[in-house]
Amino acid sequence: MGILEFVVTIVAMALGAITFWIILLRNNKQATRIEPEGNYDMHQLSRMADSMQQRIEILESILDAEVPDWREQNDRTPG
């Protein structure tokens, strides 16, 4: 019975993780839906800006870890 309990536990954990992931993705898509007409209120625009800022910070931290001198490479001014 030890193997059966192990398999059931693994399957339950996987299904729980998948369900959680789907809920997060669905909520994220609903929160940042872009309207073609551009009819947004200030609260929606503020949430979209905060979301974009978080994404930029995450991307910059990844770049800092992977390519330490990426800022110097991209801060060149034309001249």
N, C-alpha and C. Protein backbone atom coordinates (compact mmCIF):
# COMPACT_ATOMS: atom_id res chain seq x y z
N MET A 1 0.81 -1.21 0.00
CA MET A 1 0.00 0.00 0.00
C MET A 1 0.85 1.27 0.00
N GLY A 2 2.12 1.18 0.31
CA GLY A 2 2.98 2.34 0.35
C GLY A 2 3.13 2.99 -1.01
N ILE A 3 3.27 2.18 -2.07
CA ILE A 3 3.43 2.71 -3.43
C ILE A 3 2.15 3.40 -3.88
N LEU A 4 1.01 2.81 -3.60
CA LEU A 4 -0.27 3.39 -4.01
C LEU A 4 -0.48 4.75 -3.34
N GLU A 5 -0.18 4.84 -2.06
CA GLU A 5 -0.33 6.11 -1.36
C GLU A 5 0.63 7.17 -1.93
N PHE A 6 1.82 6.76 -2.28
CA PHE A 6 2.79 7.67 -2.88
C PHE A 6 2.29 8.21 -4.21
N VAL A 7 1.78 7.31 -5.06
CA VAL A 7 1.28 7.72 -6.37
C VAL A 7 0.09 8.65 -6.23
N VAL A 8 -0.83 8.31 -5.33
CA VAL A 8 -2.01 9.16 -5.12
C VAL A 8 -1.58 10.53 -4.62
N THR A 9 -0.61 10.59 -3.73
CA THR A 9 -0.13 11.87 -3.21
C THR A 9 0.51 12.70 -4.32
N ILE A 10 1.32 12.09 -5.15
CA ILE A 10 1.97 12.81 -6.25
C ILE A 10 0.93 13.34 -7.23
N VAL A 11 -0.06 12.52 -7.58
CA VAL A 11 -1.11 12.94 -8.51
C VAL A 11 -1.91 14.09 -7.91
N ALA A 12 -2.25 14.01 -6.63
CA ALA A 12 -3.01 15.07 -5.98
C ALA A 12 -2.22 16.37 -5.95
N MET A 13 -0.93 16.29 -5.67
CA MET A 13 -0.11 17.50 -5.65
C MET A 13 0.00 18.11 -7.05
N ALA A 14 0.16 17.27 -8.07
CA ALA A 14 0.25 17.77 -9.44
C ALA A 14 -1.05 18.44 -9.86
N LEU A 15 -2.17 17.81 -9.57
CA LEU A 15 -3.46 18.41 -9.93
C LEU A 15 -3.70 19.72 -9.18
N GLY A 16 -3.30 19.77 -7.93
CA GLY A 16 -3.42 21.02 -7.16
C GLY A 16 -2.57 22.12 -7.76
N ALA A 17 -1.35 21.80 -8.14
CA ALA A 17 -0.46 22.81 -8.73
C ALA A 17 -0.99 23.29 -10.07
N ILE A 18 -1.49 22.37 -10.88
CA ILE A 18 -2.04 22.74 -12.19
C ILE A 18 -3.26 23.63 -12.02
N THR A 19 -4.14 23.27 -11.08
CA THR A 19 -5.33 24.09 -10.82
C THR A 19 -4.94 25.49 -10.37
N PHE A 20 -4.00 25.57 -9.46
CA PHE A 20 -3.52 26.87 -8.96
C PHE A 20 -2.95 27.71 -10.10
N TRP A 21 -2.15 27.10 -10.97
CA TRP A 21 -1.53 27.79 -12.09
C TRP A 21 -2.59 28.33 -13.05
N ILE A 22 -3.60 27.52 -13.34
CA ILE A 22 -4.68 27.95 -14.25
C ILE A 22 -5.43 29.13 -13.66
N ILE A 23 -5.72 29.08 -12.37
CA ILE A 23 -6.43 30.18 -11.72
C ILE A 23 -5.59 31.46 -11.79
N LEU A 24 -4.30 31.36 -11.52
CA LEU A 24 -3.44 32.55 -11.59
C LEU A 24 -3.40 33.13 -13.00
N LEU A 25 -3.26 32.27 -14.01
CA LEU A 25 -3.21 32.77 -15.38
C LEU A 25 -4.52 33.43 -15.78
N ARG A 26 -5.63 32.84 -15.38
CA ARG A 26 -6.93 33.40 -15.73
C ARG A 26 -7.14 34.76 -15.06
N ASN A 27 -6.77 34.87 -13.80
CA ASN A 27 -6.91 36.15 -13.11
C ASN A 27 -6.01 37.21 -13.70
N ASN A 28 -4.80 36.84 -14.10
CA ASN A 28 -3.87 37.79 -14.68
C ASN A 28 -4.38 38.30 -16.02
N LYS A 29 -4.95 37.44 -16.84
CA LYS A 29 -5.47 37.87 -18.14
C LYS A 29 -6.67 38.80 -17.96
N GLN A 30 -7.51 38.54 -16.97
CA GLN A 30 -8.66 39.40 -16.74
C GLN A 30 -8.24 40.76 -16.21
N ALA A 31 -7.17 40.81 -15.44
CA ALA A 31 -6.75 42.07 -14.83
C ALA A 31 -6.13 43.02 -15.84
N THR A 32 -5.52 42.50 -16.90
CA THR A 32 -4.81 43.37 -17.83
C THR A 32 -5.35 43.24 -19.25
N ARG A 33 -6.63 43.18 -19.38
CA ARG A 33 -7.24 43.09 -20.70
C ARG A 33 -7.15 44.45 -21.40
N ILE A 34 -6.66 44.45 -22.61
CA ILE A 34 -6.49 45.69 -23.36
C ILE A 34 -7.71 45.89 -24.25
N GLU A 35 -8.30 47.06 -24.14
CA GLU A 35 -9.48 47.38 -24.94
C GLU A 35 -9.06 48.18 -26.16
N PRO A 36 -9.53 47.79 -27.36
CA PRO A 36 -9.13 48.51 -28.57
C PRO A 36 -9.58 49.97 -28.58
N GLU A 37 -10.68 50.25 -27.93
CA GLU A 37 -11.19 51.63 -27.93
C GLU A 37 -10.38 52.53 -27.01
N GLY A 38 -9.66 51.92 -26.06
CA GLY A 38 -8.86 52.72 -25.13
C GLY A 38 -9.68 53.36 -24.03
N ASN A 39 -10.81 52.77 -23.69
CA ASN A 39 -11.67 53.31 -22.63
C ASN A 39 -11.23 52.74 -21.28
N TYR A 40 -10.33 53.44 -20.61
CA TYR A 40 -9.82 53.00 -19.32
C TYR A 40 -10.06 54.07 -18.29
N ASP A 41 -10.26 53.65 -17.05
CA ASP A 41 -10.28 54.64 -15.99
C ASP A 41 -8.90 54.68 -15.33
N MET A 42 -8.69 55.62 -14.48
CA MET A 42 -7.37 55.81 -13.87
C MET A 42 -6.93 54.60 -13.05
N HIS A 43 -7.88 53.92 -12.42
CA HIS A 43 -7.54 52.73 -11.62
C HIS A 43 -7.00 51.63 -12.51
N GLN A 44 -7.64 51.42 -13.66
CA GLN A 44 -7.16 50.40 -14.59
C GLN A 44 -5.78 50.75 -15.12
N LEU A 45 -5.57 52.00 -15.48
CA LEU A 45 -4.27 52.43 -15.99
C LEU A 45 -3.19 52.29 -14.92
N SER A 46 -3.53 52.59 -13.69
CA SER A 46 -2.57 52.46 -12.60
C SER A 46 -2.18 50.99 -12.39
N ARG A 47 -3.17 50.09 -12.44
CA ARG A 47 -2.88 48.66 -12.30
C ARG A 47 -2.01 48.16 -13.44
N MET A 48 -2.31 48.62 -14.67
CA MET A 48 -1.51 48.20 -15.82
C MET A 48 -0.07 48.71 -15.69
N ALA A 49 0.09 49.94 -15.24
CA ALA A 49 1.43 50.50 -15.07
C ALA A 49 2.20 49.75 -13.98
N ASP A 50 1.53 49.43 -12.88
CA ASP A 50 2.19 48.66 -11.81
C ASP A 50 2.61 47.29 -12.31
N SER A 51 1.75 46.65 -13.08
CA SER A 51 2.07 45.33 -13.63
C SER A 51 3.28 45.41 -14.56
N MET A 52 3.30 46.42 -15.42
CA MET A 52 4.42 46.59 -16.34
C MET A 52 5.71 46.88 -15.57
N GLN A 53 5.63 47.70 -14.51
CA GLN A 53 6.80 48.02 -13.72
C GLN A 53 7.36 46.76 -13.05
N GLN A 54 6.49 45.90 -12.53
CA GLN A 54 6.95 44.66 -11.92
C GLN A 54 7.63 43.77 -12.95
N ARG A 55 7.07 43.68 -14.14
CA ARG A 55 7.67 42.86 -15.19
C ARG A 55 9.04 43.40 -15.59
N ILE A 56 9.15 44.72 -15.71
CA ILE A 56 10.43 45.33 -16.08
C ILE A 56 11.48 45.05 -15.00
N GLU A 57 11.09 45.17 -13.74
CA GLU A 57 12.04 44.91 -12.65
C GLU A 57 12.50 43.46 -12.66
N ILE A 58 11.59 42.53 -12.93
CA ILE A 58 11.96 41.11 -13.00
C ILE A 58 12.91 40.88 -14.16
N LEU A 59 12.59 41.45 -15.32
CA LEU A 59 13.48 41.28 -16.47
C LEU A 59 14.86 41.88 -16.23
N GLU A 60 14.91 43.05 -15.59
CA GLU A 60 16.19 43.67 -15.30
C GLU A 60 17.00 42.83 -14.31
N SER A 61 16.34 42.24 -13.33
CA SER A 61 17.07 41.41 -12.37
C SER A 61 17.62 40.15 -13.05
N ILE A 62 16.86 39.60 -13.99
CA ILE A 62 17.34 38.44 -14.75
C ILE A 62 18.54 38.84 -15.60
N LEU A 63 18.44 39.97 -16.27
CA LEU A 63 19.57 40.45 -17.07
C LEU A 63 20.79 40.75 -16.22
N ASP A 64 20.58 41.35 -15.04
CA ASP A 64 21.71 41.62 -14.14
C ASP A 64 22.42 40.34 -13.75
N ALA A 65 21.67 39.27 -13.55
CA ALA A 65 22.27 37.99 -13.15
C ALA A 65 22.96 37.31 -14.33
N GLU A 66 22.35 37.39 -15.51
CA GLU A 66 22.86 36.67 -16.67
C GLU A 66 23.93 37.45 -17.44
N VAL A 67 23.72 38.76 -17.61
CA VAL A 67 24.64 39.60 -18.38
C VAL A 67 24.94 40.84 -17.53
N PRO A 68 25.94 40.77 -16.65
CA PRO A 68 26.18 41.85 -15.70
C PRO A 68 26.40 43.23 -16.33
N ASP A 69 26.97 43.30 -17.52
CA ASP A 69 27.26 44.62 -18.10
C ASP A 69 26.27 45.01 -19.20
N TRP A 70 25.06 44.51 -19.13
CA TRP A 70 24.08 44.82 -20.18
C TRP A 70 23.68 46.29 -20.17
N ARG A 71 23.69 46.90 -19.00
CA ARG A 71 23.30 48.32 -18.93
C ARG A 71 24.31 49.20 -19.67
N GLU A 72 25.58 48.92 -19.46
CA GLU A 72 26.62 49.70 -20.13
C GLU A 72 26.58 49.49 -21.64
N GLN A 73 26.26 48.29 -22.06
CA GLN A 73 26.18 48.00 -23.50
C GLN A 73 25.01 48.73 -24.16
N ASN A 74 23.94 48.96 -23.43
CA ASN A 74 22.74 49.56 -24.01
C ASN A 74 22.56 51.03 -23.68
N ASP A 75 23.43 51.61 -22.87
CA ASP A 75 23.31 53.03 -22.51
C ASP A 75 24.15 53.93 -23.42
N ARG A 76 24.60 53.40 -24.52
CA ARG A 76 25.40 54.21 -25.46
C ARG A 76 24.50 55.25 -26.12
N THR A 77 24.96 56.48 -26.08
CA THR A 77 24.20 57.54 -26.74
C THR A 77 24.75 57.75 -28.13
N PRO A 78 23.88 57.95 -29.12
CA PRO A 78 24.37 58.18 -30.48
C PRO A 78 25.10 59.52 -30.54
N GLY A 79 26.17 59.54 -31.26
CA GLY A 79 26.85 60.81 -31.29
C GLY A 79 27.97 60.75 -32.20
